[in-house]
Amino acid sequence: MIKNKTGAWGETYAARYLRDNGYKIFYSNYVCRFGELDLIAEKNGTVCFVEVKTRNRNTQISPMEAVDEGKKQRLEMAAKSYLSFAKMIATARFDVCEVFVDDNNALVRINYIENAF
C-alpha cells in the first residue's frame, strides 16, 4: 500500500524505468507480515527486490540513506516470504531506485543502484 501521492508517482516512474531497461515486473507492493516489497522484477535470470525511495529534488539526504539496517532486515525477510510464496529458487539481489521529483511530482531523475545491499 503506497502511503502518499509522491510515493505512488515514484513507484510508477521506477516501474517504467525497469520495463524500459529490460526488466520483467513480477509483482508490485507485495505485502506480508514482515513488511512490503515495492517492486519485484527479473532480468537475466536474477530476481530483483527493488526498494523505491522518492524524494523532492532539493532533498539534503540521499534516498539510499533511508534504507537503514532495520529496513534491510525487514526487506530480506519479506523477500524470503515472497520466494516461498512464489515457490521460486532463484538468484536474487536487492536494488534501490532513487526517484527525484519536482514540486508537482514530475520526474527529475532516477538513480538506480543494483546490489545496493
PDB file of N, CA and C in Angstrom:
ATOM      1  N   MET A   1       0.841  -1.164   0.000  1.00  0.00           N
ATOM      2  CA  MET A   1       0.000   0.000   0.000  1.00  0.00           C
ATOM      3  C   MET A   1       0.894   1.237   0.000  1.00  0.00           C
ATOM      4  N   ILE A   2       0.705   2.104  -0.952  1.00  0.00           N
ATOM      5  CA  ILE A   2       1.506   3.314  -1.070  1.00  0.00           C
ATOM      6  C   ILE A   2       0.884   4.386  -0.175  1.00  0.00           C
ATOM      7  N   LYS A   3       1.715   5.007   0.664  1.00  0.00           N
ATOM      8  CA  LYS A   3       1.207   5.907   1.686  1.00  0.00           C
ATOM      9  C   LYS A   3       0.884   7.310   1.181  1.00  0.00           C
ATOM     10  N   ASN A   4       1.486   7.737   0.090  1.00  0.00           N
ATOM     11  CA  ASN A   4       1.228   9.102  -0.368  1.00  0.00           C
ATOM     12  C   ASN A   4       1.357   9.201  -1.880  1.00  0.00           C
ATOM     13  N   LYS A   5       0.900  10.333  -2.400  1.00  0.00           N
ATOM     14  CA  LYS A   5       0.931  10.516  -3.857  1.00  0.00           C
ATOM     15  C   LYS A   5       2.347  10.558  -4.407  1.00  0.00           C
ATOM     16  N   THR A   6       3.251  11.190  -3.675  1.00  0.00           N
ATOM     17  CA  THR A   6       4.633  11.256  -4.148  1.00  0.00           C
ATOM     18  C   THR A   6       5.215   9.849  -4.260  1.00  0.00           C
ATOM     19  N   GLY A   7       4.966   9.015  -3.266  1.00  0.00           N
ATOM     20  CA  GLY A   7       5.441   7.635  -3.315  1.00  0.00           C
ATOM     21  C   GLY A   7       4.833   6.866  -4.465  1.00  0.00           C
ATOM     22  N   ALA A   8       3.535   7.112  -4.727  1.00  0.00           N
ATOM     23  CA  ALA A   8       2.865   6.441  -5.850  1.00  0.00           C
ATOM     24  C   ALA A   8       3.495   6.854  -7.172  1.00  0.00           C
ATOM     25  N   TRP A   9       3.766   8.126  -7.324  1.00  0.00           N
ATOM     26  CA  TRP A   9       4.428   8.584  -8.552  1.00  0.00           C
ATOM     27  C   TRP A   9       5.809   7.954  -8.682  1.00  0.00           C
ATOM     28  N   GLY A  10       6.538   7.908  -7.586  1.00  0.00           N
ATOM     29  CA  GLY A  10       7.876   7.323  -7.608  1.00  0.00           C
ATOM     30  C   GLY A  10       7.858   5.874  -8.044  1.00  0.00           C
ATOM     31  N   GLU A  11       6.913   5.100  -7.531  1.00  0.00           N
ATOM     32  CA  GLU A  11       6.833   3.691  -7.918  1.00  0.00           C
ATOM     33  C   GLU A  11       6.415   3.541  -9.378  1.00  0.00           C
ATOM     34  N   THR A  12       5.578   4.430  -9.857  1.00  0.00           N
ATOM     35  CA  THR A  12       5.197   4.408 -11.276  1.00  0.00           C
ATOM     36  C   THR A  12       6.408   4.696 -12.156  1.00  0.00           C
ATOM     37  N   TYR A  13       7.180   5.721 -11.796  1.00  0.00           N
ATOM     38  CA  TYR A  13       8.388   6.045 -12.566  1.00  0.00           C
ATOM     39  C   TYR A  13       9.408   4.913 -12.499  1.00  0.00           C
ATOM     40  N   ALA A  14       9.559   4.310 -11.324  1.00  0.00           N
ATOM     41  CA  ALA A  14      10.521   3.214 -11.167  1.00  0.00           C
ATOM     42  C   ALA A  14      10.117   2.017 -12.014  1.00  0.00           C
ATOM     43  N   ALA A  15       8.832   1.673 -12.023  1.00  0.00           N
ATOM     44  CA  ALA A  15       8.362   0.540 -12.828  1.00  0.00           C
ATOM     45  C   ALA A  15       8.603   0.803 -14.313  1.00  0.00           C
ATOM     46  N   ARG A  16       8.344   2.017 -14.743  1.00  0.00           N
ATOM     47  CA  ARG A  16       8.594   2.369 -16.155  1.00  0.00           C
ATOM     48  C   ARG A  16      10.079   2.242 -16.472  1.00  0.00           C
ATOM     49  N   TYR A  17      10.933   2.727 -15.564  1.00  0.00           N
ATOM     50  CA  TYR A  17      12.376   2.632 -15.752  1.00  0.00           C
ATOM     51  C   TYR A  17      12.802   1.171 -15.903  1.00  0.00           C
ATOM     52  N   LEU A  18      12.282   0.316 -15.027  1.00  0.00           N
ATOM     53  CA  LEU A  18      12.637  -1.105 -15.091  1.00  0.00           C
ATOM     54  C   LEU A  18      12.216  -1.718 -16.423  1.00  0.00           C
ATOM     55  N   ARG A  19      10.972  -1.489 -16.822  1.00  0.00           N
ATOM     56  CA  ARG A  19      10.495  -2.054 -18.104  1.00  0.00           C
ATOM     57  C   ARG A  19      11.325  -1.531 -19.271  1.00  0.00           C
ATOM     58  N   ASP A  20      11.638  -0.231 -19.256  1.00  0.00           N
ATOM     59  CA  ASP A  20      12.433   0.365 -20.344  1.00  0.00           C
ATOM     60  C   ASP A  20      13.856  -0.191 -20.396  1.00  0.00           C
ATOM     61  N   ASN A  21      14.305  -0.770 -19.285  1.00  0.00           N
ATOM     62  CA  ASN A  21      15.668  -1.293 -19.220  1.00  0.00           C
ATOM     63  C   ASN A  21      15.713  -2.817 -19.188  1.00  0.00           C
ATOM     64  N   GLY A  22      14.666  -3.451 -19.700  1.00  0.00           N
ATOM     65  CA  GLY A  22      14.686  -4.882 -19.920  1.00  0.00           C
ATOM     66  C   GLY A  22      14.277  -5.764 -18.759  1.00  0.00           C
ATOM     67  N   TYR A  23      13.736  -5.184 -17.710  1.00  0.00           N
ATOM     68  CA  TYR A  23      13.257  -5.977 -16.580  1.00  0.00           C
ATOM     69  C   TYR A  23      11.815  -6.401 -16.823  1.00  0.00           C
ATOM     70  N   LYS A  24      11.472  -7.564 -16.300  1.00  0.00           N
ATOM     71  CA  LYS A  24      10.091  -8.027 -16.295  1.00  0.00           C
ATOM     72  C   LYS A  24       9.589  -7.887 -14.860  1.00  0.00           C
ATOM     73  N   ILE A  25       8.515  -7.163 -14.675  1.00  0.00           N
ATOM     74  CA  ILE A  25       7.978  -6.953 -13.331  1.00  0.00           C
ATOM     75  C   ILE A  25       7.035  -8.094 -12.986  1.00  0.00           C
ATOM     76  N   PHE A  26       7.335  -8.761 -11.868  1.00  0.00           N
ATOM     77  CA  PHE A  26       6.501  -9.858 -11.384  1.00  0.00           C
ATOM     78  C   PHE A  26       5.394  -9.359 -10.464  1.00  0.00           C
ATOM     79  N   TYR A  27       5.726  -8.390  -9.635  1.00  0.00           N
ATOM     80  CA  TYR A  27       4.802  -8.012  -8.566  1.00  0.00           C
ATOM     81  C   TYR A  27       5.117  -6.594  -8.113  1.00  0.00           C
ATOM     82  N   SER A  28       4.089  -5.858  -7.736  1.00  0.00           N
ATOM     83  CA  SER A  28       4.306  -4.565  -7.094  1.00  0.00           C
ATOM     84  C   SER A  28       3.533  -4.546  -5.784  1.00  0.00           C
ATOM     85  N   ASN A  29       4.152  -3.956  -4.790  1.00  0.00           N
ATOM     86  CA  ASN A  29       3.556  -3.812  -3.462  1.00  0.00           C
ATOM     87  C   ASN A  29       3.170  -5.151  -2.842  1.00  0.00           C
ATOM     88  N   TYR A  30       4.119  -6.084  -2.832  1.00  0.00           N
ATOM     89  CA  TYR A  30       3.908  -7.367  -2.154  1.00  0.00           C
ATOM     90  C   TYR A  30       3.950  -7.120  -0.653  1.00  0.00           C
ATOM     91  N   VAL A  31       2.880  -7.489   0.037  1.00  0.00           N
ATOM     92  CA  VAL A  31       2.786  -7.265   1.477  1.00  0.00           C
ATOM     93  C   VAL A  31       2.723  -8.611   2.192  1.00  0.00           C
ATOM     94  N   CYS A  32       3.523  -8.727   3.240  1.00  0.00           N
ATOM     95  CA  CYS A  32       3.495  -9.912   4.097  1.00  0.00           C
ATOM     96  C   CYS A  32       3.704  -9.432   5.528  1.00  0.00           C
ATOM     97  N   ARG A  33       3.780 -10.347   6.446  1.00  0.00           N
ATOM     98  CA  ARG A  33       3.901  -9.950   7.846  1.00  0.00           C
ATOM     99  C   ARG A  33       5.213  -9.244   8.174  1.00  0.00           C
ATOM    100  N   PHE A  34       6.197  -9.345   7.306  1.00  0.00           N
ATOM    101  CA  PHE A  34       7.487  -8.697   7.542  1.00  0.00           C
ATOM    102  C   PHE A  34       7.553  -7.289   6.969  1.00  0.00           C
ATOM    103  N   GLY A  35       6.605  -6.938   6.120  1.00  0.00           N
ATOM    104  CA  GLY A  35       6.605  -5.619   5.512  1.00  0.00           C
ATOM    105  C   GLY A  35       6.182  -5.682   4.060  1.00  0.00           C
ATOM    106  N   GLU A  36       6.648  -4.716   3.303  1.00  0.00           N
ATOM    107  CA  GLU A  36       6.257  -4.582   1.903  1.00  0.00           C
ATOM    108  C   GLU A  36       7.484  -4.532   1.001  1.00  0.00           C
ATOM    109  N   LEU A  37       7.366  -5.194  -0.138  1.00  0.00           N
ATOM    110  CA  LEU A  37       8.368  -5.087  -1.198  1.00  0.00           C
ATOM    111  C   LEU A  37       7.751  -4.230  -2.288  1.00  0.00           C
ATOM    112  N   ASP A  38       8.408  -3.119  -2.624  1.00  0.00           N
ATOM    113  CA  ASP A  38       7.831  -2.189  -3.585  1.00  0.00           C
ATOM    114  C   ASP A  38       7.653  -2.817  -4.964  1.00  0.00           C
ATOM    115  N   LEU A  39       8.745  -3.317  -5.522  1.00  0.00           N
ATOM    116  CA  LEU A  39       8.701  -3.948  -6.845  1.00  0.00           C
ATOM    117  C   LEU A  39       9.546  -5.217  -6.829  1.00  0.00           C
ATOM    118  N   ILE A  40       9.028  -6.235  -7.473  1.00  0.00           N
ATOM    119  CA  ILE A  40       9.780  -7.475  -7.657  1.00  0.00           C
ATOM    120  C   ILE A  40       9.880  -7.683  -9.155  1.00  0.00           C
ATOM    121  N   ALA A  41      11.110  -7.746  -9.643  1.00  0.00           N
ATOM    122  CA  ALA A  41      11.333  -7.836 -11.084  1.00  0.00           C
ATOM    123  C   ALA A  41      12.388  -8.903 -11.372  1.00  0.00           C
ATOM    124  N   GLU A  42      12.568  -9.170 -12.652  1.00  0.00           N
ATOM    125  CA  GLU A  42      13.560 -10.159 -13.072  1.00  0.00           C
ATOM    126  C   GLU A  42      14.273  -9.640 -14.309  1.00  0.00           C
ATOM    127  N   LYS A  43      15.568  -9.879 -14.320  1.00  0.00           N
ATOM    128  CA  LYS A  43      16.363  -9.568 -15.506  1.00  0.00           C
ATOM    129  C   LYS A  43      17.516 -10.556 -15.558  1.00  0.00           C
ATOM    130  N   ASN A  44      17.688 -11.172 -16.717  1.00  0.00           N
ATOM    131  CA  ASN A  44      18.783 -12.118 -16.941  1.00  0.00           C
ATOM    132  C   ASN A  44      18.825 -13.218 -15.885  1.00  0.00           C
ATOM    133  N   GLY A  45      17.654 -13.702 -15.479  1.00  0.00           N
ATOM    134  CA  GLY A  45      17.578 -14.808 -14.544  1.00  0.00           C
ATOM    135  C   GLY A  45      17.752 -14.442 -13.082  1.00  0.00           C
ATOM    136  N   THR A  46      17.902 -13.170 -12.773  1.00  0.00           N
ATOM    137  CA  THR A  46      18.053 -12.724 -11.392  1.00  0.00           C
ATOM    138  C   THR A  46      16.782 -12.029 -10.936  1.00  0.00           C
ATOM    139  N   VAL A  47      16.276 -12.453  -9.784  1.00  0.00           N
ATOM    140  CA  VAL A  47      15.113 -11.787  -9.200  1.00  0.00           C
ATOM    141  C   VAL A  47      15.617 -10.565  -8.445  1.00  0.00           C
ATOM    142  N   CYS A  48      15.009  -9.422  -8.726  1.00  0.00           N
ATOM    143  CA  CYS A  48      15.426  -8.162  -8.120  1.00  0.00           C
ATOM    144  C   CYS A  48      14.320  -7.630  -7.221  1.00  0.00           C
ATOM    145  N   PHE A  49      14.642  -7.470  -5.955  1.00  0.00           N
ATOM    146  CA  PHE A  49      13.728  -6.866  -5.000  1.00  0.00           C
ATOM    147  C   PHE A  49      14.105  -5.389  -4.941  1.00  0.00           C
ATOM    148  N   VAL A  50      13.205  -4.555  -5.439  1.00  0.00           N
ATOM    149  CA  VAL A  50      13.521  -3.141  -5.627  1.00  0.00           C
ATOM    150  C   VAL A  50      12.799  -2.284  -4.593  1.00  0.00           C
ATOM    151  N   GLU A  51      13.587  -1.607  -3.772  1.00  0.00           N
ATOM    152  CA  GLU A  51      13.051  -0.641  -2.823  1.00  0.00           C
ATOM    153  C   GLU A  51      13.073   0.720  -3.502  1.00  0.00           C
ATOM    154  N   VAL A  52      11.910   1.347  -3.604  1.00  0.00           N
ATOM    155  CA  VAL A  52      11.790   2.643  -4.267  1.00  0.00           C
ATOM    156  C   VAL A  52      11.737   3.728  -3.204  1.00  0.00           C
ATOM    157  N   LYS A  53      12.618   4.696  -3.324  1.00  0.00           N
ATOM    158  CA  LYS A  53      12.639   5.837  -2.414  1.00  0.00           C
ATOM    159  C   LYS A  53      12.495   7.098  -3.243  1.00  0.00           C
ATOM    160  N   THR A  54      11.413   7.820  -3.000  1.00  0.00           N
ATOM    161  CA  THR A  54      11.106   9.025  -3.772  1.00  0.00           C
ATOM    162  C   THR A  54      11.317  10.245  -2.899  1.00  0.00           C
ATOM    163  N   ARG A  55      12.016  11.219  -3.437  1.00  0.00           N
ATOM    164  CA  ARG A  55      12.288  12.449  -2.710  1.00  0.00           C
ATOM    165  C   ARG A  55      12.179  13.638  -3.652  1.00  0.00           C
ATOM    166  N   ASN A  56      11.933  14.784  -3.042  1.00  0.00           N
ATOM    167  CA  ASN A  56      11.953  16.042  -3.792  1.00  0.00           C
ATOM    168  C   ASN A  56      13.386  16.287  -4.242  1.00  0.00           C
ATOM    169  N   ARG A  57      13.540  16.893  -5.384  1.00  0.00           N
ATOM    170  CA  ARG A  57      14.890  17.076  -5.937  1.00  0.00           C
ATOM    171  C   ARG A  57      15.792  17.920  -5.040  1.00  0.00           C
ATOM    172  N   ASN A  58      15.214  18.676  -4.116  1.00  0.00           N
ATOM    173  CA  ASN A  58      16.010  19.546  -3.246  1.00  0.00           C
ATOM    174  C   ASN A  58      16.364  18.898  -1.917  1.00  0.00           C
ATOM    175  N   THR A  59      16.140  17.610  -1.783  1.00  0.00           N
ATOM    176  CA  THR A  59      16.421  16.931  -0.521  1.00  0.00           C
ATOM    177  C   THR A  59      17.893  17.010  -0.169  1.00  0.00           C
ATOM    178  N   GLN A  60      18.165  17.109   1.115  1.00  0.00           N
ATOM    179  CA  GLN A  60      19.551  17.169   1.592  1.00  0.00           C
ATOM    180  C   GLN A  60      20.114  15.784   1.899  1.00  0.00           C
ATOM    181  N   ILE A  61      19.215  14.804   2.057  1.00  0.00           N
ATOM    182  CA  ILE A  61      19.620  13.448   2.415  1.00  0.00           C
ATOM    183  C   ILE A  61      19.324  12.525   1.232  1.00  0.00           C
ATOM    184  N   SER A  62      20.267  11.661   0.907  1.00  0.00           N
ATOM    185  CA  SER A  62      20.035  10.754  -0.219  1.00  0.00           C
ATOM    186  C   SER A  62      18.961   9.734   0.163  1.00  0.00           C
ATOM    187  N   PRO A  63      18.123   9.366  -0.781  1.00  0.00           N
ATOM    188  CA  PRO A  63      17.097   8.360  -0.502  1.00  0.00           C
ATOM    189  C   PRO A  63      17.690   7.043  -0.004  1.00  0.00           C
ATOM    190  N   MET A  64      18.854   6.681  -0.492  1.00  0.00           N
ATOM    191  CA  MET A  64      19.502   5.432  -0.076  1.00  0.00           C
ATOM    192  C   MET A  64      19.762   5.431   1.429  1.00  0.00           C
ATOM    193  N   GLU A  65      20.019   6.595   2.004  1.00  0.00           N
ATOM    194  CA  GLU A  65      20.286   6.694   3.440  1.00  0.00           C
ATOM    195  C   GLU A  65      19.070   6.291   4.276  1.00  0.00           C
ATOM    196  N   ALA A  66      17.869   6.325   3.677  1.00  0.00           N
ATOM    197  CA  ALA A  66      16.654   5.940   4.395  1.00  0.00           C
ATOM    198  C   ALA A  66      16.528   4.430   4.533  1.00  0.00           C
ATOM    199  N   VAL A  67      17.378   3.695   3.829  1.00  0.00           N
ATOM    200  CA  VAL A  67      17.353   2.232   3.913  1.00  0.00           C
ATOM    201  C   VAL A  67      18.384   1.817   4.975  1.00  0.00           C
ATOM    202  N   ASP A  68      17.940   1.878   6.223  1.00  0.00           N
ATOM    203  CA  ASP A  68      18.834   1.564   7.332  1.00  0.00           C
ATOM    204  C   ASP A  68      18.892   0.049   7.575  1.00  0.00           C
ATOM    205  N   GLU A  69      19.656  -0.354   8.575  1.00  0.00           N
ATOM    206  CA  GLU A  69      19.840  -1.783   8.833  1.00  0.00           C
ATOM    207  C   GLU A  69      18.525  -2.494   9.157  1.00  0.00           C
ATOM    208  N   GLY A  70      17.654  -1.851   9.927  1.00  0.00           N
ATOM    209  CA  GLY A  70      16.362  -2.452  10.246  1.00  0.00           C
ATOM    210  C   GLY A  70      15.516  -2.661   9.008  1.00  0.00           C
ATOM    211  N   LYS A  71      15.518  -1.671   8.120  1.00  0.00           N
ATOM    212  CA  LYS A  71      14.769  -1.773   6.869  1.00  0.00           C
ATOM    213  C   LYS A  71      15.339  -2.904   6.012  1.00  0.00           C
ATOM    214  N   LYS A  72      16.639  -3.000   5.941  1.00  0.00           N
ATOM    215  CA  LYS A  72      17.277  -4.067   5.161  1.00  0.00           C
ATOM    216  C   LYS A  72      16.858  -5.440   5.678  1.00  0.00           C
ATOM    217  N   GLN A  73      16.845  -5.610   6.988  1.00  0.00           N
ATOM    218  CA  GLN A  73      16.453  -6.897   7.562  1.00  0.00           C
ATOM    219  C   GLN A  73      14.999  -7.229   7.227  1.00  0.00           C
ATOM    220  N   ARG A  74      14.110  -6.227   7.330  1.00  0.00           N
ATOM    221  CA  ARG A  74      12.699  -6.464   7.000  1.00  0.00           C
ATOM    222  C   ARG A  74      12.536  -6.818   5.525  1.00  0.00           C
ATOM    223  N   LEU A  75      13.295  -6.150   4.646  1.00  0.00           N
ATOM    224  CA  LEU A  75      13.223  -6.457   3.218  1.00  0.00           C
ATOM    225  C   LEU A  75      13.721  -7.874   2.937  1.00  0.00           C
ATOM    226  N   GLU A  76      14.781  -8.280   3.617  1.00  0.00           N
ATOM    227  CA  GLU A  76      15.305  -9.631   3.418  1.00  0.00           C
ATOM    228  C   GLU A  76      14.292 -10.684   3.858  1.00  0.00           C
ATOM    229  N   MET A  77      13.628 -10.460   4.980  1.00  0.00           N
ATOM    230  CA  MET A  77      12.609 -11.405   5.456  1.00  0.00           C
ATOM    231  C   MET A  77      11.407 -11.426   4.502  1.00  0.00           C
ATOM    232  N   ALA A  78      11.002 -10.263   4.018  1.00  0.00           N
ATOM    233  CA  ALA A  78       9.885 -10.196   3.070  1.00  0.00           C
ATOM    234  C   ALA A  78      10.249 -10.897   1.764  1.00  0.00           C
ATOM    235  N   ALA A  79      11.501 -10.752   1.328  1.00  0.00           N
ATOM    236  CA  ALA A  79      11.952 -11.418   0.100  1.00  0.00           C
ATOM    237  C   ALA A  79      11.903 -12.934   0.264  1.00  0.00           C
ATOM    238  N   LYS A  80      12.335 -13.431   1.406  1.00  0.00           N
ATOM    239  CA  LYS A  80      12.252 -14.875   1.665  1.00  0.00           C
ATOM    240  C   LYS A  80      10.799 -15.332   1.652  1.00  0.00           C
ATOM    241  N   SER A  81       9.923 -14.521   2.215  1.00  0.00           N
ATOM    242  CA  SER A  81       8.492 -14.833   2.207  1.00  0.00           C
ATOM    243  C   SER A  81       7.971 -14.916   0.776  1.00  0.00           C
ATOM    244  N   TYR A  82       8.357 -13.942  -0.062  1.00  0.00           N
ATOM    245  CA  TYR A  82       7.893 -13.945  -1.453  1.00  0.00           C
ATOM    246  C   TYR A  82       8.404 -15.169  -2.200  1.00  0.00           C
ATOM    247  N   LEU A  83       9.681 -15.486  -2.048  1.00  0.00           N
ATOM    248  CA  LEU A  83      10.248 -16.630  -2.764  1.00  0.00           C
ATOM    249  C   LEU A  83       9.546 -17.924  -2.353  1.00  0.00           C
ATOM    250  N   SER A  84       9.203 -18.033  -1.083  1.00  0.00           N
ATOM    251  CA  SER A  84       8.455 -19.202  -0.608  1.00  0.00           C
ATOM    252  C   SER A  84       7.042 -19.209  -1.192  1.00  0.00           C
ATOM    253  N   PHE A  85       6.376 -18.049  -1.155  1.00  0.00           N
ATOM    254  CA  PHE A  85       5.024 -17.895  -1.698  1.00  0.00           C
ATOM    255  C   PHE A  85       4.982 -18.258  -3.183  1.00  0.00           C
ATOM    256  N   ALA A  86       5.978 -17.778  -3.929  1.00  0.00           N
ATOM    257  CA  ALA A  86       6.018 -17.998  -5.372  1.00  0.00           C
ATOM    258  C   ALA A  86       6.659 -19.334  -5.738  1.00  0.00           C
ATOM    259  N   LYS A  87       7.121 -20.068  -4.726  1.00  0.00           N
ATOM    260  CA  LYS A  87       7.792 -21.351  -4.947  1.00  0.00           C
ATOM    261  C   LYS A  87       8.959 -21.205  -5.929  1.00  0.00           C
ATOM    262  N   MET A  88       9.780 -20.194  -5.658  1.00  0.00           N
ATOM    263  CA  MET A  88      10.914 -19.896  -6.533  1.00  0.00           C
ATOM    264  C   MET A  88      12.227 -20.219  -5.847  1.00  0.00           C
ATOM    265  N   ILE A  89      13.130 -20.775  -6.612  1.00  0.00           N
ATOM    266  CA  ILE A  89      14.521 -20.909  -6.209  1.00  0.00           C
ATOM    267  C   ILE A  89      15.288 -20.141  -7.276  1.00  0.00           C
ATOM    268  N   ALA A  90      15.857 -19.023  -6.882  1.00  0.00           N
ATOM    269  CA  ALA A  90      16.478 -18.165  -7.886  1.00  0.00           C
ATOM    270  C   ALA A  90      17.597 -17.347  -7.266  1.00  0.00           C
ATOM    271  N   THR A  91      18.493 -16.882  -8.114  1.00  0.00           N
ATOM    272  CA  THR A  91      19.479 -15.899  -7.704  1.00  0.00           C
ATOM    273  C   THR A  91      18.713 -14.596  -7.477  1.00  0.00           C
ATOM    274  N   ALA A  92      19.009 -13.927  -6.376  1.00  0.00           N
ATOM    275  CA  ALA A  92      18.279 -12.706  -6.055  1.00  0.00           C
ATOM    276  C   ALA A  92      19.238 -11.623  -5.596  1.00  0.00           C
ATOM    277  N   ARG A  93      18.765 -10.397  -5.708  1.00  0.00           N
ATOM    278  CA  ARG A  93      19.544  -9.263  -5.215  1.00  0.00           C
ATOM    279  C   ARG A  93      18.575  -8.168  -4.757  1.00  0.00           C
ATOM    280  N   PHE A  94      19.107  -7.220  -4.013  1.00  0.00           N
ATOM    281  CA  PHE A  94      18.328  -6.086  -3.536  1.00  0.00           C
ATOM    282  C   PHE A  94      18.851  -4.813  -4.186  1.00  0.00           C
ATOM    283  N   ASP A  95      17.967  -4.130  -4.877  1.00  0.00           N
ATOM    284  CA  ASP A  95      18.292  -2.875  -5.547  1.00  0.00           C
ATOM    285  C   ASP A  95      17.521  -1.743  -4.883  1.00  0.00           C
ATOM    286  N   VAL A  96      18.033  -0.544  -5.018  1.00  0.00           N
ATOM    287  CA  VAL A  96      17.317   0.641  -4.566  1.00  0.00           C
ATOM    288  C   VAL A  96      17.172   1.571  -5.759  1.00  0.00           C
ATOM    289  N   CYS A  97      15.951   2.052  -5.952  1.00  0.00           N
ATOM    290  CA  CYS A  97      15.678   3.010  -7.023  1.00  0.00           C
ATOM    291  C   CYS A  97      15.379   4.349  -6.376  1.00  0.00           C
ATOM    292  N   GLU A  98      16.313   5.277  -6.520  1.00  0.00           N
ATOM    293  CA  GLU A  98      16.120   6.629  -6.001  1.00  0.00           C
ATOM    294  C   GLU A  98      15.415   7.443  -7.082  1.00  0.00           C
ATOM    295  N   VAL A  99      14.238   7.961  -6.746  1.00  0.00           N
ATOM    296  CA  VAL A  99      13.456   8.746  -7.691  1.00  0.00           C
ATOM    297  C   VAL A  99      13.381  10.178  -7.163  1.00  0.00           C
ATOM    298  N   PHE A 100      13.784  11.110  -7.988  1.00  0.00           N
ATOM    299  CA  PHE A 100      13.733  12.524  -7.611  1.00  0.00           C
ATOM    300  C   PHE A 100      12.659  13.218  -8.442  1.00  0.00           C
ATOM    301  N   VAL A 101      11.764  13.929  -7.758  1.00  0.00           N
ATOM    302  CA  VAL A 101      10.664  14.619  -8.424  1.00  0.00           C
ATOM    303  C   VAL A 101      10.691  16.102  -8.054  1.00  0.00           C
ATOM    304  N   ASP A 102       9.972  16.906  -8.862  1.00  0.00           N
ATOM    305  CA  ASP A 102       9.838  18.323  -8.540  1.00  0.00           C
ATOM    306  C   ASP A 102       8.613  18.529  -7.649  1.00  0.00           C
ATOM    307  N   ASP A 103       8.258  19.761  -7.398  1.00  0.00           N
ATOM    308  CA  ASP A 103       7.138  20.063  -6.503  1.00  0.00           C
ATOM    309  C   ASP A 103       5.789  19.579  -7.027  1.00  0.00           C
ATOM    310  N   ASN A 104       5.708  19.298  -8.328  1.00  0.00           N
ATOM    311  CA  ASN A 104       4.468  18.796  -8.938  1.00  0.00           C
ATOM    312  C   ASN A 104       4.516  17.294  -9.178  1.00  0.00           C
ATOM    313  N   ASN A 105       5.485  16.625  -8.576  1.00  0.00           N
ATOM    314  CA  ASN A 105       5.706  15.178  -8.727  1.00  0.00           C
ATOM    315  C   ASN A 105       6.096  14.769 -10.144  1.00  0.00           C
ATOM    316  N   ALA A 106       6.606  15.705 -10.923  1.00  0.00           N
ATOM    317  CA  ALA A 106       7.132  15.365 -12.244  1.00  0.00           C
ATOM    318  C   ALA A 106       8.553  14.812 -12.062  1.00  0.00           C
ATOM    319  N   LEU A 107       8.871  13.814 -12.847  1.00  0.00           N
ATOM    320  CA  LEU A 107      10.172  13.163 -12.738  1.00  0.00           C
ATOM    321  C   LEU A 107      11.299  14.125 -13.079  1.00  0.00           C
ATOM    322  N   VAL A 108      12.297  14.166 -12.202  1.00  0.00           N
ATOM    323  CA  VAL A 108      13.506  14.947 -12.448  1.00  0.00           C
ATOM    324  C   VAL A 108      14.619  14.000 -12.889  1.00  0.00           C
ATOM    325  N   ARG A 109      14.835  12.941 -12.092  1.00  0.00           N
ATOM    326  CA  ARG A 109      15.838  11.941 -12.471  1.00  0.00           C
ATOM    327  C   ARG A 109      15.673  10.691 -11.631  1.00  0.00           C
ATOM    328  N   ILE A 110      16.283   9.612 -12.111  1.00  0.00           N
ATOM    329  CA  ILE A 110      16.304   8.337 -11.402  1.00  0.00           C
ATOM    330  C   ILE A 110      17.750   7.911 -11.240  1.00  0.00           C
ATOM    331  N   ASN A 111      18.073   7.443 -10.058  1.00  0.00           N
ATOM    332  CA  ASN A 111      19.376   6.847  -9.784  1.00  0.00           C
ATOM    333  C   ASN A 111      19.104   5.411  -9.355  1.00  0.00           C
ATOM    334  N   TYR A 112      19.477   4.454 -10.194  1.00  0.00           N
ATOM    335  CA  TYR A 112      19.193   3.043  -9.920  1.00  0.00           C
ATOM    336  C   TYR A 112      20.451   2.376  -9.401  1.00  0.00           C
ATOM    337  N   ILE A 113      20.360   1.795  -8.203  1.00  0.00           N
ATOM    338  CA  ILE A 113      21.514   1.190  -7.551  1.00  0.00           C
ATOM    339  C   ILE A 113      21.310  -0.327  -7.500  1.00  0.00           C
ATOM    340  N   GLU A 114      22.046  -1.045  -8.329  1.00  0.00           N
ATOM    341  CA  GLU A 114      21.983  -2.515  -8.321  1.00  0.00           C
ATOM    342  C   GLU A 114      22.815  -3.033  -7.156  1.00  0.00           C
ATOM    343  N   ASN A 115      22.369  -4.157  -6.582  1.00  0.00           N
ATOM    344  CA  ASN A 115      23.089  -4.768  -5.450  1.00  0.00           C
ATOM    345  C   ASN A 115      23.368  -3.744  -4.360  1.00  0.00           C
ATOM    346  N   ALA A 116      22.353  -2.997  -3.998  1.00  0.00           N
ATOM    347  CA  ALA A 116      22.510  -1.914  -3.034  1.00  0.00           C
ATOM    348  C   ALA A 116      22.938  -2.423  -1.655  1.00  0.00           C
ATOM    349  N   PHE A 117      22.528  -3.640  -1.329  1.00  0.00           N
ATOM    350  CA  PHE A 117      22.946  -4.247  -0.053  1.00  0.00           C
ATOM    351  C   PHE A 117      22.815  -5.752  -0.134  1.00  0.00           C
TER     352      PHE A 117
END
